[in-house]
Protein backbone atom coordinates (compact mmCIF):
# COMPACT_ATOMS: atom_id res chain seq x y z
CA UNK A 1 5.35 -11.43 -29.52
CA UNK A 2 2.37 -13.76 -29.07
CA UNK A 3 0.81 -14.59 -25.71
CA UNK A 4 2.42 -18.02 -25.96
CA UNK A 5 5.76 -16.32 -26.59
CA UNK A 6 5.38 -14.16 -23.51
CA UNK A 7 4.46 -17.21 -21.45
CA UNK A 8 7.49 -19.14 -22.71
CA UNK A 9 9.71 -16.14 -22.00
CA UNK A 10 8.34 -16.06 -18.44
CA UNK A 11 9.04 -19.75 -17.95
CA UNK A 12 12.60 -19.38 -19.20
CA UNK A 13 13.12 -16.34 -16.96
CA UNK A 14 11.85 -18.28 -13.94
CA UNK A 15 14.10 -21.26 -14.74
CA UNK A 16 17.11 -18.98 -15.15
CA UNK A 17 16.36 -17.26 -11.87
CA UNK A 18 15.78 -20.54 -10.06
CA UNK A 19 19.20 -21.67 -11.33
CA UNK A 20 20.76 -18.44 -10.07
CA UNK A 21 19.01 -18.87 -6.71
CA UNK A 22 20.39 -22.40 -6.43
CA UNK A 23 23.90 -20.94 -6.64
CA UNK A 24 23.29 -18.87 -3.50
CA UNK A 25 22.81 -20.61 -0.17
CA UNK A 26 22.60 -19.66 3.51
CA UNK A 27 26.03 -18.92 4.92
CA UNK A 28 27.40 -17.44 1.69
CA UNK A 29 29.01 -14.02 1.93
CA UNK A 30 28.60 -11.98 -1.23
CA UNK A 31 31.17 -9.26 -1.83
CA UNK A 32 32.00 -7.24 -4.94
CA UNK A 33 33.98 -10.22 -6.25
CA UNK A 34 30.84 -12.39 -6.19
CA UNK A 35 28.50 -9.76 -7.69
CA UNK A 36 27.88 -11.88 -10.79
CA UNK A 37 26.54 -14.60 -8.52
CA UNK A 38 23.58 -12.44 -7.47
CA UNK A 39 23.11 -10.38 -10.64
CA UNK A 40 19.87 -12.16 -11.56
CA UNK A 41 18.59 -12.00 -7.97
CA UNK A 42 18.64 -8.23 -7.38
CA UNK A 43 17.75 -5.05 -9.24
CA UNK A 44 20.36 -3.18 -11.32
CA UNK A 45 20.53 -0.54 -8.58
CA UNK A 46 21.25 -3.08 -5.85
CA UNK A 47 23.78 -4.80 -8.11
CA UNK A 48 25.58 -1.45 -8.41
CA UNK A 49 25.75 -1.21 -4.61
CA UNK A 50 27.17 -4.73 -4.36
CA UNK A 51 29.83 -4.01 -6.96
CA UNK A 52 30.78 -0.93 -4.91
CA UNK A 53 31.36 -3.03 -1.80
CA UNK A 54 28.02 -3.63 -0.08
CA UNK A 55 28.40 -7.08 1.47
CA UNK A 56 25.49 -9.52 1.67
CA UNK A 57 25.39 -12.33 4.21
CA UNK A 58 22.94 -14.90 2.85
CA UNK A 59 20.53 -16.27 5.46
CA UNK A 60 17.76 -18.86 5.33
CA UNK A 61 14.35 -17.60 4.23
CA UNK A 62 12.03 -16.73 7.11
CA UNK A 63 8.29 -16.62 6.60
CA UNK A 64 6.55 -13.49 7.84
CA UNK A 65 3.01 -13.67 9.22
CA UNK A 66 0.44 -10.88 9.12
CA UNK A 67 -0.71 -9.53 12.52
CA UNK A 68 -3.67 -11.62 13.74
CA UNK A 69 -6.30 -8.86 13.50
CA UNK A 70 -5.12 -7.86 10.02
CA UNK A 71 -5.17 -11.49 8.89
CA UNK A 72 -8.71 -11.91 10.24
CA UNK A 73 -9.87 -8.75 8.46
CA UNK A 74 -8.37 -10.00 5.19
CA UNK A 75 -10.23 -13.29 5.50
CA UNK A 76 -13.49 -11.52 6.37
CA UNK A 77 -13.54 -8.63 3.89
CA UNK A 78 -11.18 -9.23 0.95
CA UNK A 79 -13.75 -11.06 -1.14
CA UNK A 80 -15.90 -7.96 -1.38
CA UNK A 81 -13.22 -5.46 -2.42
CA UNK A 82 -13.57 -4.34 -6.04
CA UNK A 83 -11.91 -2.04 -8.54
CA UNK A 84 -13.92 0.61 -10.33
CA UNK A 85 -14.30 0.79 -14.11
CA UNK A 86 -11.35 3.22 -14.23
CA UNK A 87 -9.15 0.64 -12.46
CA UNK A 88 -9.00 2.40 -9.08
CA UNK A 89 -10.16 0.89 -5.82
CA UNK A 90 -13.85 1.21 -5.00
CA UNK A 91 -13.65 2.54 -1.45
CA UNK A 92 -17.30 1.65 -0.87
CA UNK A 93 -16.33 -2.03 -1.07
CA UNK A 94 -13.14 -1.90 1.05
CA UNK A 95 -13.35 -2.31 4.83
CA UNK A 96 -10.03 -3.60 6.23
CA UNK A 97 -7.22 -6.09 5.69
CA UNK A 98 -5.33 -6.83 2.48
CA UNK A 99 -7.78 -5.94 -0.29
CA UNK A 100 -6.54 -8.42 -2.91
CA UNK A 101 -4.80 -11.40 -1.24
CA UNK A 102 -5.11 -13.62 -4.33
CA UNK A 103 -3.69 -12.05 -7.50
CA UNK A 104 -3.36 -13.70 -10.90
CA UNK A 105 -0.19 -12.33 -12.58
CA UNK A 106 -2.07 -12.55 -15.90
CA UNK A 107 -4.78 -10.18 -14.63
CA UNK A 108 -4.39 -6.89 -16.58
CA UNK A 109 -5.10 -5.08 -13.31
CA UNK A 110 -2.62 -7.11 -11.25
CA UNK A 111 -0.14 -4.26 -10.82
CA UNK A 112 -2.54 -1.77 -9.29
CA UNK A 113 -3.96 -4.48 -7.01
CA UNK A 114 -0.43 -5.19 -5.77
CA UNK A 115 0.11 -1.50 -5.07
CA UNK A 116 -3.17 -1.22 -3.15
CA UNK A 117 -2.12 -4.25 -1.09
CA UNK A 118 1.05 -2.35 -0.21
CA UNK A 119 -0.78 0.86 0.64
CA UNK A 120 -3.31 -0.86 2.93
CA UNK A 121 -0.86 -3.11 4.79
CA UNK A 122 2.54 -1.41 5.11
CA UNK A 123 3.85 -1.34 8.68
CA UNK A 124 0.66 -0.10 10.40
CA UNK A 125 -3.12 -0.30 9.98
CA UNK A 126 -4.14 2.22 12.66
CA UNK A 127 -1.35 4.62 13.57
CA UNK A 128 2.41 4.85 13.54
CA UNK A 129 4.99 7.01 15.29
CA UNK A 130 8.73 6.84 14.63
CA UNK A 131 11.09 8.93 16.72
CA UNK A 132 14.58 10.31 16.12
CA UNK A 133 15.31 9.29 12.57
CA UNK A 134 19.07 9.67 12.17
CA UNK A 135 20.42 10.26 8.65
CA UNK A 136 23.68 11.21 6.99
CA UNK A 137 24.18 12.42 3.45
CA UNK A 138 27.29 12.97 1.40
CA UNK A 139 29.45 12.31 -1.63
CA UNK A 140 30.35 8.84 -2.84
CA UNK A 141 34.11 8.60 -3.40
CA UNK A 142 35.68 6.04 -5.73
CA UNK A 143 39.44 6.35 -6.05
CA UNK A 144 40.99 3.28 -7.56
CA UNK A 145 40.19 0.26 -5.42
CA UNK A 146 39.28 2.43 -2.44
CA UNK A 147 35.67 3.37 -1.81
CA UNK A 148 34.58 6.17 0.48
CA UNK A 149 31.65 8.20 1.72
CA UNK A 150 32.32 11.82 2.62
CA UNK A 151 29.58 12.88 5.02
CA UNK A 152 28.41 16.41 4.34
CA UNK A 153 25.39 16.74 6.59
CA UNK A 154 23.83 14.97 9.56
CA UNK A 155 20.05 15.00 9.97
CA UNK A 156 17.88 14.22 12.98
CA UNK A 157 14.08 14.32 12.66
CA UNK A 158 12.05 14.47 15.85
CA UNK A 159 9.11 12.36 14.70
CA UNK A 160 7.48 10.72 11.71
CA UNK A 161 3.81 9.94 12.16
CA UNK A 162 0.96 8.31 10.27
CA UNK A 163 -2.75 8.16 11.07
CA UNK A 164 -5.07 5.91 9.05
CA UNK A 165 -8.76 6.76 8.90
CA UNK A 166 -9.99 3.49 7.36
CA UNK A 167 -8.91 -0.15 7.42
CA UNK A 168 -8.23 -0.01 11.17
CA UNK A 169 -7.87 -3.40 12.84
CA UNK A 170 -6.47 -3.13 16.38
CA UNK A 171 -7.74 -0.09 18.29
CA UNK A 172 -11.21 1.49 18.44
CA UNK A 173 -12.79 2.89 16.51
CA UNK A 174 -12.65 -0.14 14.21
CA UNK A 175 -12.68 -0.25 11.20
CA UNK A 176 -12.74 3.54 10.66
CA UNK A 177 -12.39 6.87 12.41
CA UNK A 178 -15.11 9.53 12.23
CA UNK A 179 -14.26 11.06 8.88
CA UNK A 180 -16.38 14.00 7.71
CA UNK A 181 -13.60 15.24 5.40
CA UNK A 182 -13.08 11.79 3.81
CA UNK A 183 -9.40 11.31 4.57
CA UNK A 184 -7.51 8.15 3.70
CA UNK A 185 -4.48 9.03 5.80
CA UNK A 186 -2.67 11.93 7.39
CA UNK A 187 1.11 11.78 7.68
CA UNK A 188 3.94 14.07 8.64
CA UNK A 189 7.51 14.50 9.76
CA UNK A 190 8.69 17.33 11.98
CA UNK A 191 10.59 19.05 13.35
CA UNK A 192 14.07 18.68 11.91
CA UNK A 193 16.43 18.97 14.90
CA UNK A 194 19.71 18.89 12.94
CA UNK A 195 21.37 20.50 11.02
CA UNK A 196 21.02 23.90 12.64
CA UNK A 197 20.16 25.79 9.43
CA UNK A 198 17.14 23.51 8.88
CA UNK A 199 16.00 23.37 12.49
CA UNK A 200 12.23 23.43 12.73
CA UNK A 201 11.54 22.47 9.10
CA UNK A 202 8.83 19.89 8.60
CA UNK A 203 5.84 18.81 6.57
CA UNK A 204 2.43 17.15 6.66
CA UNK A 205 0.43 15.25 4.05
CA UNK A 206 -3.32 14.84 3.66
CA UNK A 207 -4.46 12.03 1.37
CA UNK A 208 -8.15 11.60 0.55
CA UNK A 209 -10.47 8.69 -0.14
CA UNK A 210 -11.51 10.29 -3.41
CA UNK A 211 -8.80 9.01 -5.81
CA UNK A 212 -9.35 11.95 -8.16
CA UNK A 213 -8.57 14.46 -5.41
CA UNK A 214 -4.89 15.42 -5.37
CA UNK A 215 -3.31 14.97 -1.97
CA UNK A 216 -2.09 18.02 -0.10
CA UNK A 217 1.56 18.25 0.96
CA UNK A 218 2.50 21.22 3.15
CA UNK A 219 5.97 22.28 4.24
CA UNK A 220 6.89 24.77 6.93
CA UNK A 221 10.11 26.79 6.53
CA UNK A 222 10.95 28.69 9.75
CA UNK A 223 13.55 30.83 7.97
CA UNK A 224 10.80 32.17 5.70
CA UNK A 225 8.13 32.07 8.40
CA UNK A 226 5.68 30.57 5.96
CA UNK A 227 3.97 27.34 4.98
CA UNK A 228 4.11 26.37 1.31
CA UNK A 229 2.26 23.71 -0.61
CA UNK A 230 4.31 21.16 -2.55
CA UNK A 231 3.02 20.17 -6.01
CA UNK A 232 2.77 16.58 -7.23
CA UNK A 233 5.80 17.08 -9.49
CA UNK A 234 7.84 18.50 -6.58
CA UNK A 235 7.26 15.29 -4.64
CA UNK A 236 9.88 13.71 -6.92
CA UNK A 237 12.48 16.30 -5.94
CA UNK A 238 15.06 15.57 -3.22
CA UNK A 239 14.88 18.15 -0.44
CA UNK A 240 17.34 19.76 2.00
CA UNK A 241 20.47 18.76 0.06
CA UNK A 242 19.94 15.02 0.59
CA UNK A 243 18.81 12.39 -1.93
CA UNK A 244 15.38 11.17 -0.85
CA UNK A 245 12.30 12.58 -2.57
CA UNK A 246 8.93 12.55 -0.81
CA UNK A 247 7.48 9.85 -3.07
CA UNK A 248 10.36 7.47 -2.31
CA UNK A 249 10.01 7.23 1.49
CA UNK A 250 9.86 3.55 2.43
CA UNK A 251 10.32 2.53 -1.21
CA UNK A 252 7.15 4.30 -2.35
CA UNK A 253 4.99 6.90 -0.63
CA UNK A 254 3.17 8.40 -3.59
CA UNK A 255 -0.52 8.53 -4.43
CA UNK A 256 -1.43 5.37 -6.35
CA UNK A 257 -3.93 7.02 -8.76
CA UNK A 258 -1.21 9.49 -9.83
CA UNK A 259 0.69 6.69 -11.63
CA UNK A 260 0.17 4.20 -14.42
CA UNK A 261 1.14 0.73 -13.18
CA UNK A 262 2.40 -2.37 -14.97
CA UNK A 263 3.45 -5.79 -13.67
CA UNK A 264 6.70 -6.75 -15.38
CA UNK A 265 7.32 -10.10 -13.72
CA UNK A 266 7.51 -12.20 -10.59
CA UNK A 267 10.41 -14.42 -9.54
CA UNK A 268 12.64 -15.40 -6.58
CA UNK A 269 14.94 -12.53 -5.59
CA UNK A 270 17.07 -11.41 -2.67
CA UNK A 271 15.77 -9.02 -0.02
CA UNK A 272 16.94 -7.71 3.36
CA UNK A 273 13.75 -8.30 5.29
CA UNK A 274 15.01 -9.93 8.51
CA UNK A 275 18.04 -7.87 9.45
CA UNK A 276 19.98 -8.76 12.57
CA UNK A 277 21.81 -5.51 13.30
CA UNK A 278 20.20 -2.74 15.31
CA UNK A 279 21.13 0.03 14.88
CA UNK A 280 22.15 -0.79 11.29
CA UNK A 281 25.87 -1.20 10.66
CA UNK A 282 27.41 0.81 7.78
CA UNK A 283 29.41 -1.30 5.34
CA UNK A 284 33.19 -1.09 5.52
CA UNK A 285 34.12 -2.06 1.99
CA UNK A 286 31.90 0.58 0.35
CA UNK A 287 33.01 3.36 2.70
CA UNK A 288 29.76 3.36 4.66
CA UNK A 289 27.27 4.23 1.92
CA UNK A 290 25.02 1.24 2.58
CA UNK A 291 24.30 -0.97 5.58
CA UNK A 292 25.60 -4.55 5.62
CA UNK A 293 23.34 -7.26 6.99
CA UNK A 294 21.62 -10.54 6.18
CA UNK A 295 19.73 -11.15 2.94
CA UNK A 296 17.41 -14.00 2.03
CA UNK A 297 15.91 -15.37 -1.18
CA UNK A 298 12.23 -14.42 -1.20
CA UNK A 299 10.22 -16.98 -3.23
CA UNK A 300 8.17 -14.38 -5.14
CA UNK A 301 9.15 -10.77 -5.64
CA UNK A 302 7.00 -8.72 -8.03
CA UNK A 303 8.60 -6.16 -10.33
CA UNK A 304 6.17 -3.27 -10.75
CA UNK A 305 6.69 -0.36 -13.12
CA UNK A 306 5.16 2.98 -12.15
CA UNK A 307 5.04 6.00 -14.45
CA UNK A 308 3.83 9.32 -13.06
CA UNK A 309 0.97 11.12 -14.80
CA UNK A 310 2.24 14.49 -13.55
CA UNK A 311 3.95 16.87 -15.96
CA UNK A 312 7.45 17.78 -14.85
CA UNK A 313 7.89 14.68 -12.68
CA UNK A 314 11.61 13.99 -12.28
CA UNK A 315 11.60 10.25 -12.99
CA UNK A 316 10.51 8.57 -16.20
CA UNK A 317 9.66 5.43 -14.22
CA UNK A 318 10.02 3.62 -10.93
CA UNK A 319 10.71 -0.10 -10.79
CA UNK A 320 9.42 -1.33 -7.44
CA UNK A 321 10.41 -4.80 -6.19
CA UNK A 322 7.79 -5.98 -3.72
CA UNK A 323 7.23 -9.22 -1.81
CA UNK A 324 4.13 -11.00 -3.13
CA UNK A 325 3.24 -12.40 0.30
CA UNK A 326 3.86 -9.48 2.66
CA UNK A 327 3.75 -6.39 0.38
CA UNK A 328 7.18 -5.37 1.74
CA UNK A 329 9.11 -3.24 -0.74
CA UNK A 330 12.65 -4.59 -0.88
CA UNK A 331 14.07 -1.90 -3.16
CA UNK A 332 13.17 0.58 -5.89
CA UNK A 333 15.16 1.61 -8.96
CA UNK A 334 14.45 5.09 -10.34
CA UNK A 335 15.17 6.15 -13.92
CA UNK A 336 15.75 9.56 -15.50
CA UNK A 337 13.88 10.94 -18.50
CA UNK A 338 16.42 9.36 -20.86
CA UNK A 339 15.63 5.94 -19.42
CA UNK A 340 18.96 5.62 -17.59
CA UNK A 341 19.24 4.29 -14.04
CA UNK A 342 19.46 7.30 -11.73
CA UNK A 343 18.86 6.30 -8.12
CA UNK A 344 18.26 3.23 -6.01
CA UNK A 345 16.24 3.14 -2.78
CA UNK A 346 16.99 0.17 -0.52
CA UNK A 347 15.01 -0.95 2.53
CA UNK A 348 16.35 -2.94 5.49
CA UNK A 349 13.53 -4.70 7.32
CA UNK A 350 13.19 -6.23 10.75
CA UNK A 351 10.58 -8.66 12.08
CA UNK A 352 10.25 -9.05 15.84
CA UNK A 353 8.01 -8.60 18.88
CA UNK A 354 10.25 -5.67 19.82
CA UNK A 355 11.21 -2.80 17.54
CA UNK A 356 14.45 -2.61 19.54
CA UNK A 357 15.70 -5.33 21.94
CA UNK A 358 16.23 -2.55 24.50
CA UNK A 359 12.61 -1.34 24.29
CA UNK A 360 10.62 -1.41 27.51
CA UNK A 361 7.54 -2.76 25.72
CA UNK A 362 6.87 -5.84 23.63
CA UNK A 363 4.08 -6.76 21.23
CA UNK A 364 2.25 -10.10 21.67
CA UNK A 365 3.22 -11.08 18.11
CA UNK A 366 6.03 -10.14 15.69
CA UNK A 367 5.67 -7.05 13.53
CA UNK A 368 7.60 -5.60 10.62
CA UNK A 369 9.75 -2.48 11.04
CA UNK A 370 12.08 -0.50 8.81
CA UNK A 371 15.25 0.24 10.79
CA UNK A 372 17.39 1.15 7.77
CA UNK A 373 17.01 2.95 4.44
CA UNK A 374 19.54 3.96 1.79
CA UNK A 375 19.08 6.17 -1.27
CA UNK A 376 22.03 6.31 -3.65
CA UNK A 377 22.28 8.70 -6.59
CA UNK A 378 24.31 6.68 -9.08
CA UNK A 379 24.67 9.49 -11.60
CA UNK A 380 25.73 12.23 -9.17
CA UNK A 381 27.78 9.95 -6.87
CA UNK A 382 25.85 10.97 -3.79
CA UNK A 383 23.95 9.04 -1.13
CA UNK A 384 21.80 9.32 1.97
CA UNK A 385 21.54 6.60 4.59
CA UNK A 386 18.98 6.68 7.39
CA UNK A 387 18.59 4.61 10.55
CA UNK A 388 15.51 4.32 12.74
CA UNK A 389 16.13 4.09 15.61
CA UNK A 390 19.11 6.24 14.82
CA UNK A 391 22.70 5.18 15.19
CA UNK A 392 23.05 7.97 17.73
CA UNK A 393 19.99 6.79 19.70
CA UNK A 394 20.63 3.10 20.46
CA UNK A 395 18.17 2.95 23.38
CA UNK A 396 15.25 4.50 21.49
CA UNK A 397 12.58 1.94 20.42
CA UNK A 398 12.16 3.91 17.22
CA UNK A 399 8.85 2.39 16.10
CA UNK A 400 5.52 2.69 17.91
CA UNK A 401 2.97 0.74 15.86
CA UNK A 402 -0.81 0.76 16.36
CA UNK A 403 -0.71 2.33 19.81
CA UNK A 404 -4.29 3.60 19.58
CA UNK A 405 -3.37 7.26 19.14
CA UNK A 406 -6.30 8.84 17.31
CA UNK A 407 -5.49 12.49 18.09
CA UNK A 408 -5.16 14.15 14.70
CA UNK A 409 -4.20 17.60 16.00
CA UNK A 410 -0.48 16.84 15.49
CA UNK A 411 -1.14 16.87 11.72
CA UNK A 412 -2.62 20.37 11.66
CA UNK A 413 -0.85 23.30 10.01
CA UNK A 414 -0.87 25.18 13.32
CA UNK A 415 0.86 22.26 15.09
CA UNK A 416 3.40 22.05 12.27
CA UNK A 417 4.25 25.73 12.72
CA UNK A 418 4.36 25.49 16.52
CA UNK A 419 6.60 22.41 16.34
CA UNK A 420 9.07 24.29 14.18
CA UNK A 421 9.53 27.24 16.54
């Protein structure tokens, strides 16, 4: 197809999608019966969830603003950020803020710029702590017209934490921590508190500024009394009998240089970015697999294809649907090696000055949080849903964003082991 043909195809796609968007308005309630009405406005994975009974309440679009310090950093520094000859970010030119706020969809490097925007702006610029993630995993039951979700295991994770070494905008040292080992971030989640047979299990991740250096992922298994390193390919494997692989946390948590990226399109689509329910409310008509809340038509949602460079990686590709303005990942479809849809990862966002209305603290401006996440295995009829703050912890704020915590000792292997005992 010629360039003109591709352009015409894009115009027709946009017109078709705009027509589909016009058929959905605030106040509409989309059930399985109305799935065709939103087919062009969601991914195939999300469409599958709707046809199973996930109800969407359509709400008016709400614009989301970047935090003031992050916005100021973007305006100050973004013009100097460059990509290297190999297409990866030149860390010597990046300081803070969104590295590429203006992206031409026709730019052959648009996709990787979009992914770097996501990496440098998601949820926190300095540090992040989330407490008491509450998750349930089990079999998806479909018997005639009745849908169910048979819960097999209940998980509670004590803490999820993230520390960013560069691009800091709110707490000293700004814009970077002392960094002799050249880290980009450190992250971790531990200890697992439930179920009992996994109590104490956890992991930490070290990601480096050098894009050619493979990140280190370490897992502690108390039953074996040892720490083991997880390979890049293993990051695509679901752990502990649930459905979420390490690279799918939050929609995508992998190392950007480990993938080949392609921009497939941009158009208005539905997303759950301003959810009203906290804790999230499991859907009734689908048996409780997904959460039911408000959805809005986002004016521009990118579709990004990511293909892992690692041999033995479980997925042939990831299709990531990401808001062009905020870099919020709405959902991700994951495909097996035969090119068939395998799993769908769905985010439920919240935007408020408080992570939880019951929290004792309040930020001076609204922030984005991720109170709900669902991963459904379409092929194996299995799913995992997670709430943060957890359904069992309604008074817990859940999200502590940019609190100025620069103590990196929590991310050490020794702390991981001690936390699991």
